[in-house]
Amino acid sequence: LPGATIATLTGGFLFATFPGALFNVIAATTGATAIFLAARWGL
């Protein structure tokens, strides 16, 4: 979806650099893993 950059900025805005960066990395990794699994399952 559009808005990944805004989401990352929001993580810093709401939670400061830390733990904001940790929240951002966990969320991005989880979402990326979902795409990875879907792509591997399908193709």
Full PDB file with SEQRES, HELIX, SHEET, SSBOND, CRYST1, ORIGX, SCALE, CONECT and MASTER records, all heavy atoms in Angstrom:
SEQRES   1 A   43  LEU PRO GLY ALA THR ILE ALA THR LEU THR GLY GLY PHE          
SEQRES   2 A   43  LEU PHE ALA THR PHE PRO GLY ALA LEU PHE ASN VAL ILE          
SEQRES   3 A   43  ALA ALA THR THR GLY ALA THR ALA ILE PHE LEU ALA ALA          
SEQRES   4 A   43  ARG TRP GLY LEU                                              
HELIX    1 AA1 ALA A    4  PHE A   15  1                                  12    
HELIX    2 AA2 THR A   17  GLY A   42  1                                  26    
CRYST1    1.000    1.000    1.000  90.00  90.00  90.00 P 1           1          
ORIGX1      1.000000  0.000000  0.000000        0.00000                         
ORIGX2      0.000000  1.000000  0.000000        0.00000                         
ORIGX3      0.000000  0.000000  1.000000        0.00000                         
SCALE1      1.000000  0.000000  0.000000        0.00000                         
SCALE2      0.000000  1.000000  0.000000        0.00000                         
SCALE3      0.000000  0.000000  1.000000        0.00000                         
ATOM      1  N   LEU A   1       0.837  -1.197   0.000  1.00  0.00           N  
ATOM      2  CA  LEU A   1       0.000   0.000   0.000  1.00  0.00           C  
ATOM      3  C   LEU A   1       0.875   1.251   0.000  1.00  0.00           C  
ATOM      4  O   LEU A   1       2.029   1.216   0.441  1.00  0.00           O  
ATOM      5  CB  LEU A   1      -0.914   0.002   1.224  1.00  0.00           C  
ATOM      6  CG  LEU A   1      -1.890  -1.167   1.344  1.00  0.00           C  
ATOM      7  CD1 LEU A   1      -2.634  -1.101   2.674  1.00  0.00           C  
ATOM      8  CD2 LEU A   1      -2.883  -1.161   0.183  1.00  0.00           C  
ATOM      9  N   PRO A   2       0.337   2.369  -0.455  1.00  0.00           N  
ATOM     10  CA  PRO A   2       1.109   3.616  -0.373  1.00  0.00           C  
ATOM     11  C   PRO A   2       1.238   4.050   1.081  1.00  0.00           C  
ATOM     12  O   PRO A   2       0.368   3.763   1.900  1.00  0.00           O  
ATOM     13  CB  PRO A   2       0.241   4.603  -1.181  1.00  0.00           C  
ATOM     14  CG  PRO A   2      -1.141   4.059  -1.082  1.00  0.00           C  
ATOM     15  CD  PRO A   2      -0.994   2.558  -1.073  1.00  0.00           C  
ATOM     16  N   GLY A   3       2.318   4.724   1.393  1.00  0.00           N  
ATOM     17  CA  GLY A   3       2.454   5.269   2.733  1.00  0.00           C  
ATOM     18  C   GLY A   3       3.523   4.642   3.597  1.00  0.00           C  
ATOM     19  O   GLY A   3       3.604   4.945   4.793  1.00  0.00           O  
ATOM     20  N   ALA A   4       4.377   3.778   3.038  1.00  0.00           N  
ATOM     21  CA  ALA A   4       5.409   3.135   3.849  1.00  0.00           C  
ATOM     22  C   ALA A   4       6.384   4.167   4.419  1.00  0.00           C  
ATOM     23  O   ALA A   4       6.792   4.068   5.581  1.00  0.00           O  
ATOM     24  CB  ALA A   4       6.161   2.096   3.017  1.00  0.00           C  
ATOM     25  N   THR A   5       6.754   5.155   3.616  1.00  0.00           N  
ATOM     26  CA  THR A   5       7.676   6.185   4.103  1.00  0.00           C  
ATOM     27  C   THR A   5       7.024   7.009   5.202  1.00  0.00           C  
ATOM     28  O   THR A   5       7.648   7.319   6.227  1.00  0.00           O  
ATOM     29  CB  THR A   5       8.110   7.102   2.950  1.00  0.00           C  
ATOM     30  OG1 THR A   5       8.768   6.330   1.944  1.00  0.00           O  
ATOM     31  CG2 THR A   5       9.068   8.176   3.447  1.00  0.00           C  
ATOM     32  N   ILE A   6       5.747   7.370   5.011  1.00  0.00           N  
ATOM     33  CA  ILE A   6       5.020   8.117   6.029  1.00  0.00           C  
ATOM     34  C   ILE A   6       4.911   7.294   7.305  1.00  0.00           C  
ATOM     35  O   ILE A   6       5.016   7.824   8.419  1.00  0.00           O  
ATOM     36  CB  ILE A   6       3.620   8.507   5.515  1.00  0.00           C  
ATOM     37  CG1 ILE A   6       3.738   9.450   4.315  1.00  0.00           C  
ATOM     38  CG2 ILE A   6       2.802   9.162   6.621  1.00  0.00           C  
ATOM     39  CD1 ILE A   6       4.467  10.742   4.630  1.00  0.00           C  
ATOM     40  N   ALA A   7       4.701   5.997   7.164  1.00  0.00           N  
ATOM     41  CA  ALA A   7       4.619   5.126   8.339  1.00  0.00           C  
ATOM     42  C   ALA A   7       5.932   5.132   9.103  1.00  0.00           C  
ATOM     43  O   ALA A   7       5.950   5.175  10.344  1.00  0.00           O  
ATOM     44  CB  ALA A   7       4.251   3.704   7.916  1.00  0.00           C  
ATOM     45  N   THR A   8       7.045   5.090   8.383  1.00  0.00           N  
ATOM     46  CA  THR A   8       8.347   5.113   9.042  1.00  0.00           C  
ATOM     47  C   THR A   8       8.560   6.426   9.789  1.00  0.00           C  
ATOM     48  O   THR A   8       9.036   6.443  10.922  1.00  0.00           O  
ATOM     49  CB  THR A   8       9.477   4.920   8.008  1.00  0.00           C  
ATOM     50  OG1 THR A   8       9.236   3.732   7.263  1.00  0.00           O  
ATOM     51  CG2 THR A   8      10.834   4.816   8.693  1.00  0.00           C  
ATOM     52  N   LEU A   9       8.192   7.536   9.147  1.00  0.00           N  
ATOM     53  CA  LEU A   9       8.286   8.832   9.807  1.00  0.00           C  
ATOM     54  C   LEU A   9       7.387   8.886  11.040  1.00  0.00           C  
ATOM     55  O   LEU A   9       7.764   9.437  12.077  1.00  0.00           O  
ATOM     56  CB  LEU A   9       7.898   9.946   8.833  1.00  0.00           C  
ATOM     57  CG  LEU A   9       8.821  10.182   7.642  1.00  0.00           C  
ATOM     58  CD1 LEU A   9       8.202  11.201   6.697  1.00  0.00           C  
ATOM     59  CD2 LEU A   9      10.192  10.643   8.101  1.00  0.00           C  
ATOM     60  N   THR A  10       6.201   8.306  10.922  1.00  0.00           N  
ATOM     61  CA  THR A  10       5.271   8.299  12.046  1.00  0.00           C  
ATOM     62  C   THR A  10       5.837   7.521  13.223  1.00  0.00           C  
ATOM     63  O   THR A  10       5.636   7.892  14.387  1.00  0.00           O  
ATOM     64  CB  THR A  10       3.921   7.687  11.622  1.00  0.00           C  
ATOM     65  OG1 THR A  10       3.395   8.429  10.511  1.00  0.00           O  
ATOM     66  CG2 THR A  10       2.910   7.739  12.755  1.00  0.00           C  
ATOM     67  N   GLY A  11       6.551   6.444  12.929  1.00  0.00           N  
ATOM     68  CA  GLY A  11       7.192   5.681  13.994  1.00  0.00           C  
ATOM     69  C   GLY A  11       8.151   6.539  14.803  1.00  0.00           C  
ATOM     70  O   GLY A  11       8.200   6.456  16.033  1.00  0.00           O  
ATOM     71  N   GLY A  12       8.918   7.378  14.115  1.00  0.00           N  
ATOM     72  CA  GLY A  12       9.809   8.290  14.816  1.00  0.00           C  
ATOM     73  C   GLY A  12       9.061   9.403  15.522  1.00  0.00           C  
ATOM     74  O   GLY A  12       9.412   9.796  16.637  1.00  0.00           O  
ATOM     75  N   PHE A  13       8.025   9.921  14.868  1.00  0.00           N  
ATOM     76  CA  PHE A  13       7.239  11.018  15.434  1.00  0.00           C  
ATOM     77  C   PHE A  13       6.557  10.606  16.735  1.00  0.00           C  
ATOM     78  O   PHE A  13       6.536  11.361  17.707  1.00  0.00           O  
ATOM     79  CB  PHE A  13       6.198  11.461  14.404  1.00  0.00           C  
ATOM     80  CG  PHE A  13       5.259  12.517  14.905  1.00  0.00           C  
ATOM     81  CD1 PHE A  13       5.720  13.786  15.216  1.00  0.00           C  
ATOM     82  CD2 PHE A  13       3.912  12.241  15.068  1.00  0.00           C  
ATOM     83  CE1 PHE A  13       4.855  14.759  15.685  1.00  0.00           C  
ATOM     84  CE2 PHE A  13       3.043  13.208  15.527  1.00  0.00           C  
ATOM     85  CZ  PHE A  13       3.513  14.472  15.841  1.00  0.00           C  
ATOM     86  N   LEU A  14       6.016   9.394  16.758  1.00  0.00           N  
ATOM     87  CA  LEU A  14       5.270   8.935  17.932  1.00  0.00           C  
ATOM     88  C   LEU A  14       6.155   8.336  19.015  1.00  0.00           C  
ATOM     89  O   LEU A  14       5.865   8.486  20.206  1.00  0.00           O  
ATOM     90  CB  LEU A  14       4.220   7.896  17.507  1.00  0.00           C  
ATOM     91  CG  LEU A  14       3.028   8.394  16.699  1.00  0.00           C  
ATOM     92  CD1 LEU A  14       2.138   7.223  16.298  1.00  0.00           C  
ATOM     93  CD2 LEU A  14       2.231   9.420  17.489  1.00  0.00           C  
ATOM     94  N   PHE A  15       7.227   7.657  18.605  1.00  0.00           N  
ATOM     95  CA  PHE A  15       7.977   6.860  19.577  1.00  0.00           C  
ATOM     96  C   PHE A  15       9.457   7.246  19.679  1.00  0.00           C  
ATOM     97  O   PHE A  15      10.225   6.523  20.314  1.00  0.00           O  
ATOM     98  CB  PHE A  15       7.859   5.376  19.228  1.00  0.00           C  
ATOM     99  CG  PHE A  15       6.444   4.913  19.041  1.00  0.00           C  
ATOM    100  CD1 PHE A  15       5.948   4.616  17.781  1.00  0.00           C  
ATOM    101  CD2 PHE A  15       5.590   4.790  20.134  1.00  0.00           C  
ATOM    102  CE1 PHE A  15       4.638   4.192  17.604  1.00  0.00           C  
ATOM    103  CE2 PHE A  15       4.280   4.368  19.969  1.00  0.00           C  
ATOM    104  CZ  PHE A  15       3.791   4.065  18.703  1.00  0.00           C  
ATOM    105  N   ALA A  16       9.854   8.349  19.032  1.00  0.00           N  
ATOM    106  CA  ALA A  16      11.252   8.788  19.001  1.00  0.00           C  
ATOM    107  C   ALA A  16      12.101   7.805  18.189  1.00  0.00           C  
ATOM    108  O   ALA A  16      11.598   6.800  17.686  1.00  0.00           O  
ATOM    109  CB  ALA A  16      11.807   8.953  20.411  1.00  0.00           C  
ATOM    110  N   THR A  17      13.375   8.113  18.047  1.00  0.00           N  
ATOM    111  CA  THR A  17      14.240   7.251  17.237  1.00  0.00           C  
ATOM    112  C   THR A  17      14.276   5.831  17.794  1.00  0.00           C  
ATOM    113  O   THR A  17      14.279   4.851  17.053  1.00  0.00           O  
ATOM    114  CB  THR A  17      15.661   7.829  17.171  1.00  0.00           C  
ATOM    115  OG1 THR A  17      15.601   9.163  16.638  1.00  0.00           O  
ATOM    116  CG2 THR A  17      16.549   6.978  16.278  1.00  0.00           C  
ATOM    117  N   PHE A  18      14.301   5.736  19.127  1.00  0.00           N  
ATOM    118  CA  PHE A  18      14.156   4.434  19.779  1.00  0.00           C  
ATOM    119  C   PHE A  18      13.106   4.580  20.881  1.00  0.00           C  
ATOM    120  O   PHE A  18      13.160   5.522  21.653  1.00  0.00           O  
ATOM    121  CB  PHE A  18      15.476   3.947  20.390  1.00  0.00           C  
ATOM    122  CG  PHE A  18      15.388   2.561  20.956  1.00  0.00           C  
ATOM    123  CD1 PHE A  18      15.584   1.465  20.132  1.00  0.00           C  
ATOM    124  CD2 PHE A  18      15.080   2.355  22.297  1.00  0.00           C  
ATOM    125  CE1 PHE A  18      15.488   0.187  20.641  1.00  0.00           C  
ATOM    126  CE2 PHE A  18      14.968   1.080  22.813  1.00  0.00           C  
ATOM    127  CZ  PHE A  18      15.169  -0.006  21.980  1.00  0.00           C  
ATOM    128  N   PRO A  19      12.087   3.702  20.884  1.00  0.00           N  
ATOM    129  CA  PRO A  19      11.991   2.432  20.143  1.00  0.00           C  
ATOM    130  C   PRO A  19      11.331   2.528  18.769  1.00  0.00           C  
ATOM    131  O   PRO A  19      10.984   1.505  18.182  1.00  0.00           O  
ATOM    132  CB  PRO A  19      11.135   1.582  21.073  1.00  0.00           C  
ATOM    133  CG  PRO A  19      10.195   2.558  21.695  1.00  0.00           C  
ATOM    134  CD  PRO A  19      10.992   3.816  21.888  1.00  0.00           C  
ATOM    135  N   GLY A  20      11.157   3.749  18.245  1.00  0.00           N  
ATOM    136  CA  GLY A  20      10.499   3.882  16.952  1.00  0.00           C  
ATOM    137  C   GLY A  20      11.149   3.075  15.850  1.00  0.00           C  
ATOM    138  O   GLY A  20      10.472   2.409  15.055  1.00  0.00           O  
ATOM    139  N   ALA A  21      12.495   3.132  15.780  1.00  0.00           N  
ATOM    140  CA  ALA A  21      13.201   2.377  14.742  1.00  0.00           C  
ATOM    141  C   ALA A  21      12.967   0.876  14.907  1.00  0.00           C  
ATOM    142  O   ALA A  21      12.815   0.152  13.914  1.00  0.00           O  
ATOM    143  CB  ALA A  21      14.687   2.690  14.787  1.00  0.00           C  
ATOM    144  N   LEU A  22      12.935   0.408  16.148  1.00  0.00           N  
ATOM    145  CA  LEU A  22      12.694  -1.018  16.389  1.00  0.00           C  
ATOM    146  C   LEU A  22      11.298  -1.414  15.926  1.00  0.00           C  
ATOM    147  O   LEU A  22      11.128  -2.443  15.270  1.00  0.00           O  
ATOM    148  CB  LEU A  22      12.850  -1.328  17.876  1.00  0.00           C  
ATOM    149  CG  LEU A  22      12.599  -2.780  18.295  1.00  0.00           C  
ATOM    150  CD1 LEU A  22      13.589  -3.720  17.609  1.00  0.00           C  
ATOM    151  CD2 LEU A  22      12.688  -2.928  19.812  1.00  0.00           C  
ATOM    152  N   PHE A  23      10.291  -0.598  16.243  1.00  0.00           N  
ATOM    153  CA  PHE A  23       8.932  -0.877  15.780  1.00  0.00           C  
ATOM    154  C   PHE A  23       8.880  -0.898  14.253  1.00  0.00           C  
ATOM    155  O   PHE A  23       8.228  -1.757  13.641  1.00  0.00           O  
ATOM    156  CB  PHE A  23       7.958   0.178  16.312  1.00  0.00           C  
ATOM    157  CG  PHE A  23       7.768   0.152  17.805  1.00  0.00           C  
ATOM    158  CD1 PHE A  23       7.302   1.260  18.479  1.00  0.00           C  
ATOM    159  CD2 PHE A  23       8.065  -0.983  18.545  1.00  0.00           C  
ATOM    160  CE1 PHE A  23       7.124   1.246  19.852  1.00  0.00           C  
ATOM    161  CE2 PHE A  23       7.899  -1.023  19.926  1.00  0.00           C  
ATOM    162  CZ  PHE A  23       7.425   0.107  20.575  1.00  0.00           C  
ATOM    163  N   ASN A  24       9.565   0.055  13.628  1.00  0.00           N  
ATOM    164  CA  ASN A  24       9.568   0.127  12.164  1.00  0.00           C  
ATOM    165  C   ASN A  24      10.207  -1.108  11.536  1.00  0.00           C  
ATOM    166  O   ASN A  24       9.686  -1.671  10.569  1.00  0.00           O  
ATOM    167  CB  ASN A  24      10.311   1.384  11.701  1.00  0.00           C  
ATOM    168  CG  ASN A  24       9.510   2.657  11.912  1.00  0.00           C  
ATOM    169  OD1 ASN A  24       8.276   2.623  11.959  1.00  0.00           O  
ATOM    170  ND2 ASN A  24      10.191   3.776  12.037  1.00  0.00           N  
ATOM    171  N   VAL A  25      11.335  -1.518  12.087  1.00  0.00           N  
ATOM    172  CA  VAL A  25      12.052  -2.671  11.529  1.00  0.00           C  
ATOM    173  C   VAL A  25      11.245  -3.952  11.715  1.00  0.00           C  
ATOM    174  O   VAL A  25      11.148  -4.782  10.796  1.00  0.00           O  
ATOM    175  CB  VAL A  25      13.443  -2.801  12.178  1.00  0.00           C  
ATOM    176  CG1 VAL A  25      14.103  -4.117  11.769  1.00  0.00           C  
ATOM    177  CG2 VAL A  25      14.326  -1.632  11.771  1.00  0.00           C  
ATOM    178  N   ILE A  26      10.650  -4.131  12.890  1.00  0.00           N  
ATOM    179  CA  ILE A  26       9.833  -5.329  13.139  1.00  0.00           C  
ATOM    180  C   ILE A  26       8.648  -5.373  12.180  1.00  0.00           C  
ATOM    181  O   ILE A  26       8.353  -6.422  11.577  1.00  0.00           O  
ATOM    182  CB  ILE A  26       9.343  -5.351  14.601  1.00  0.00           C  
ATOM    183  CG1 ILE A  26      10.517  -5.616  15.553  1.00  0.00           C  
ATOM    184  CG2 ILE A  26       8.263  -6.416  14.797  1.00  0.00           C  
ATOM    185  CD1 ILE A  26      10.158  -5.502  17.021  1.00  0.00           C  
ATOM    186  N   ALA A  27       7.961  -4.243  12.027  1.00  0.00           N  
ATOM    187  CA  ALA A  27       6.784  -4.207  11.155  1.00  0.00           C  
ATOM    188  C   ALA A  27       7.165  -4.431   9.693  1.00  0.00           C  
ATOM    189  O   ALA A  27       6.512  -5.205   8.980  1.00  0.00           O  
ATOM    190  CB  ALA A  27       6.069  -2.866  11.316  1.00  0.00           C  
ATOM    191  N   ALA A  28       8.226  -3.759   9.236  1.00  0.00           N  
ATOM    192  CA  ALA A  28       8.641  -3.905   7.842  1.00  0.00           C  
ATOM    193  C   ALA A  28       9.098  -5.332   7.551  1.00  0.00           C  
ATOM    194  O   ALA A  28       8.800  -5.887   6.487  1.00  0.00           O  
ATOM    195  CB  ALA A  28       9.760  -2.914   7.519  1.00  0.00           C  
ATOM    196  N   THR A  29       9.822  -5.933   8.481  1.00  0.00           N  
ATOM    197  CA  THR A  29      10.278  -7.311   8.291  1.00  0.00           C  
ATOM    198  C   THR A  29       9.106  -8.274   8.247  1.00  0.00           C  
ATOM    199  O   THR A  29       9.072  -9.197   7.411  1.00  0.00           O  
ATOM    200  CB  THR A  29      11.237  -7.716   9.424  1.00  0.00           C  
ATOM    201  OG1 THR A  29      12.361  -6.823   9.443  1.00  0.00           O  
ATOM    202  CG2 THR A  29      11.738  -9.134   9.229  1.00  0.00           C  
ATOM    203  N   THR A  30       8.124  -8.085   9.114  1.00  0.00           N  
ATOM    204  CA  THR A  30       6.947  -8.951   9.124  1.00  0.00           C  
ATOM    205  C   THR A  30       6.158  -8.832   7.832  1.00  0.00           C  
ATOM    206  O   THR A  30       5.751  -9.846   7.230  1.00  0.00           O  
ATOM    207  CB  THR A  30       6.037  -8.600  10.323  1.00  0.00           C  
ATOM    208  OG1 THR A  30       6.789  -8.688  11.533  1.00  0.00           O  
ATOM    209  CG2 THR A  30       4.855  -9.551  10.398  1.00  0.00           C  
ATOM    210  N   GLY A  31       5.942  -7.605   7.381  1.00  0.00           N  
ATOM    211  CA  GLY A  31       5.222  -7.407   6.123  1.00  0.00           C  
ATOM    212  C   GLY A  31       5.974  -7.970   4.936  1.00  0.00           C  
ATOM    213  O   GLY A  31       5.384  -8.582   4.041  1.00  0.00           O  
ATOM    214  N   ALA A  32       7.304  -7.769   4.923  1.00  0.00           N  
ATOM    215  CA  ALA A  32       8.127  -8.307   3.836  1.00  0.00           C  
ATOM    216  C   ALA A  32       8.078  -9.831   3.818  1.00  0.00           C  
ATOM    217  O   ALA A  32       8.032 -10.452   2.746  1.00  0.00           O  
ATOM    218  CB  ALA A  32       9.565  -7.836   3.991  1.00  0.00           C  
ATOM    219  N   THR A  33       8.070 -10.438   5.004  1.00  0.00           N  
ATOM    220  CA  THR A  33       8.007 -11.896   5.086  1.00  0.00           C  
ATOM    221  C   THR A  33       6.689 -12.417   4.530  1.00  0.00           C  
ATOM    222  O   THR A  33       6.646 -13.475   3.890  1.00  0.00           O  
ATOM    223  CB  THR A  33       8.181 -12.350   6.545  1.00  0.00           C  
ATOM    224  OG1 THR A  33       9.435 -11.861   7.036  1.00  0.00           O  
ATOM    225  CG2 THR A  33       8.161 -13.864   6.664  1.00  0.00           C  
ATOM    226  N   ALA A  34       5.610 -11.685   4.752  1.00  0.00           N  
ATOM    227  CA  ALA A  34       4.313 -12.093   4.211  1.00  0.00           C  
ATOM    228  C   ALA A  34       4.342 -12.118   2.680  1.00  0.00           C  
ATOM    229  O   ALA A  34       3.850 -13.066   2.049  1.00  0.00           O  
ATOM    230  CB  ALA A  34       3.217 -11.147   4.704  1.00  0.00           C  
ATOM    231  N   ILE A  35       4.938 -11.083   2.079  1.00  0.00           N  
ATOM    232  CA  ILE A  35       5.055 -11.058   0.613  1.00  0.00           C  
ATOM    233  C   ILE A  35       5.953 -12.188   0.133  1.00  0.00           C  
ATOM    234  O   ILE A  35       5.665 -12.867  -0.863  1.00  0.00           O  
ATOM    235  CB  ILE A  35       5.617  -9.705   0.142  1.00  0.00           C  
ATOM    236  CG1 ILE A  35       4.647  -8.578   0.470  1.00  0.00           C  
ATOM    237  CG2 ILE A  35       5.880  -9.735  -1.363  1.00  0.00           C  
ATOM    238  CD1 ILE A  35       5.141  -7.220   0.040  1.00  0.00           C  
ATOM    239  N   PHE A  36       7.063 -12.392   0.820  1.00  0.00           N  
ATOM    240  CA  PHE A  36       8.003 -13.459   0.462  1.00  0.00           C  
ATOM    241  C   PHE A  36       7.310 -14.820   0.453  1.00  0.00           C  
ATOM    242  O   PHE A  36       7.451 -15.598  -0.496  1.00  0.00           O  
ATOM    243  CB  PHE A  36       9.163 -13.448   1.460  1.00  0.00           C  
ATOM    244  CG  PHE A  36      10.100 -14.621   1.350  1.00  0.00           C  
ATOM    245  CD1 PHE A  36      11.141 -14.596   0.448  1.00  0.00           C  
ATOM    246  CD2 PHE A  36       9.936 -15.742   2.155  1.00  0.00           C  
ATOM    247  CE1 PHE A  36      12.017 -15.677   0.344  1.00  0.00           C  
ATOM    248  CE2 PHE A  36      10.796 -16.818   2.064  1.00  0.00           C  
ATOM    249  CZ  PHE A  36      11.841 -16.793   1.157  1.00  0.00           C  
ATOM    250  N   LEU A  37       6.556 -15.111   1.505  1.00  0.00           N  
ATOM    251  CA  LEU A  37       5.874 -16.405   1.597  1.00  0.00           C  
ATOM    252  C   LEU A  37       4.809 -16.549   0.521  1.00  0.00           C  
ATOM    253  O   LEU A  37       4.645 -17.633  -0.061  1.00  0.00           O  
ATOM    254  CB  LEU A  37       5.250 -16.564   2.987  1.00  0.00           C  
ATOM    255  CG  LEU A  37       6.243 -16.736   4.142  1.00  0.00           C  
ATOM    256  CD1 LEU A  37       5.513 -16.738   5.475  1.00  0.00           C  
ATOM    257  CD2 LEU A  37       7.046 -18.022   3.969  1.00  0.00           C  
ATOM    258  N   ALA A  38       4.086 -15.469   0.248  1.00  0.00           N  
ATOM    259  CA  ALA A  38       3.059 -15.519  -0.795  1.00  0.00           C  
ATOM    260  C   ALA A  38       3.684 -15.780  -2.163  1.00  0.00           C  
ATOM    261  O   ALA A  38       3.173 -16.582  -2.956  1.00  0.00           O  
ATOM    262  CB  ALA A  38       2.263 -14.217  -0.815  1.00  0.00           C  
ATOM    263  N   ALA A  39       4.815 -15.104  -2.436  1.00  0.00           N  
ATOM    264  CA  ALA A  39       5.484 -15.281  -3.723  1.00  0.00           C  
ATOM    265  C   ALA A  39       6.070 -16.679  -3.849  1.00  0.00           C  
ATOM    266  O   ALA A  39       5.979 -17.309  -4.907  1.00  0.00           O  
ATOM    267  CB  ALA A  39       6.584 -14.228  -3.891  1.00  0.00           C  
ATOM    268  N   ARG A  40       6.663 -17.178  -2.774  1.00  0.00           N  
ATOM    269  CA  ARG A  40       7.254 -18.523  -2.845  1.00  0.00           C  
ATOM    270  C   ARG A  40       6.163 -19.583  -2.966  1.00  0.00           C  
ATOM    271  O   ARG A  40       6.329 -20.562  -3.678  1.00  0.00           O  
ATOM    272  CB  ARG A  40       8.129 -18.794  -1.621  1.00  0.00           C  
ATOM    273  CG  ARG A  40       8.914 -20.096  -1.780  1.00  0.00           C  
ATOM    274  CD  ARG A  40      10.037 -20.207  -0.798  1.00  0.00           C  
ATOM    275  NE  ARG A  40       9.560 -20.480   0.544  1.00  0.00           N  
ATOM    276  CZ  ARG A  40      10.383 -20.741   1.576  1.00  0.00           C  
ATOM    277  NH1 ARG A  40      11.687 -20.710   1.402  1.00  0.00           N  
ATOM    278  NH2 ARG A  40       9.904 -20.995   2.771  1.00  0.00           N  
ATOM    279  N   TRP A  41       5.065 -19.397  -2.239  1.00  0.00           N  
ATOM    280  CA  TRP A  41       3.957 -20.344  -2.338  1.00  0.00           C  
ATOM    281  C   TRP A  41       3.386 -20.372  -3.750  1.00  0.00           C  
ATOM    282  O   TRP A  41       3.055 -21.422  -4.289  1.00  0.00           O  
ATOM    283  CB  TRP A  41       2.873 -19.957  -1.333  1.00  0.00           C  
ATOM    284  CG  TRP A  41       1.631 -20.778  -1.407  1.00  0.00           C  
ATOM    285  CD1 TRP A  41       0.459 -20.448  -2.032  1.00  0.00           C  
ATOM    286  CD2 TRP A  41       1.419 -22.077  -0.861  1.00  0.00           C  
ATOM    287  NE1 TRP A  41      -0.465 -21.448  -1.898  1.00  0.00           N  
ATOM    288  CE2 TRP A  41       0.103 -22.463  -1.184  1.00  0.00           C  
ATOM    289  CE3 TRP A  41       2.223 -22.947  -0.122  1.00  0.00           C  
ATOM    290  CZ2 TRP A  41      -0.430 -23.690  -0.792  1.00  0.00           C  
ATOM    291  CZ3 TRP A  41       1.687 -24.158   0.274  1.00  0.00           C  
ATOM    292  CH2 TRP A  41       0.378 -24.522  -0.060  1.00  0.00           C  
ATOM    293  N   GLY A  42       3.275 -19.190  -4.366  1.00  0.00           N  
ATOM    294  CA  GLY A  42       2.652 -19.119  -5.679  1.00  0.00           C  
ATOM    295  C   GLY A  42       3.581 -19.429  -6.835  1.00  0.00           C  
ATOM    296  O   GLY A  42       3.172 -20.062  -7.811  1.00  0.00           O  
ATOM    297  N   LEU A  43       4.827 -18.988  -6.738  1.00  0.00           N  
ATOM    298  CA  LEU A  43       5.717 -19.092  -7.897  1.00  0.00           C  
ATOM    299  C   LEU A  43       7.096 -19.655  -7.579  1.00  0.00           C  
ATOM    300  O   LEU A  43       7.704 -20.316  -8.418  1.00  0.00           O  
ATOM    301  CB  LEU A  43       5.904 -17.695  -8.524  1.00  0.00           C  
ATOM    302  CG  LEU A  43       4.650 -16.978  -9.024  1.00  0.00           C  
ATOM    303  CD1 LEU A  43       4.996 -15.543  -9.388  1.00  0.00           C  
ATOM    304  CD2 LEU A  43       4.046 -17.700 -10.209  1.00  0.00           C  
TER     305      LEU A  43                                                      
MASTER        0    0    0    2    0    0    0    6  304    1    0    4          
END                                                                             
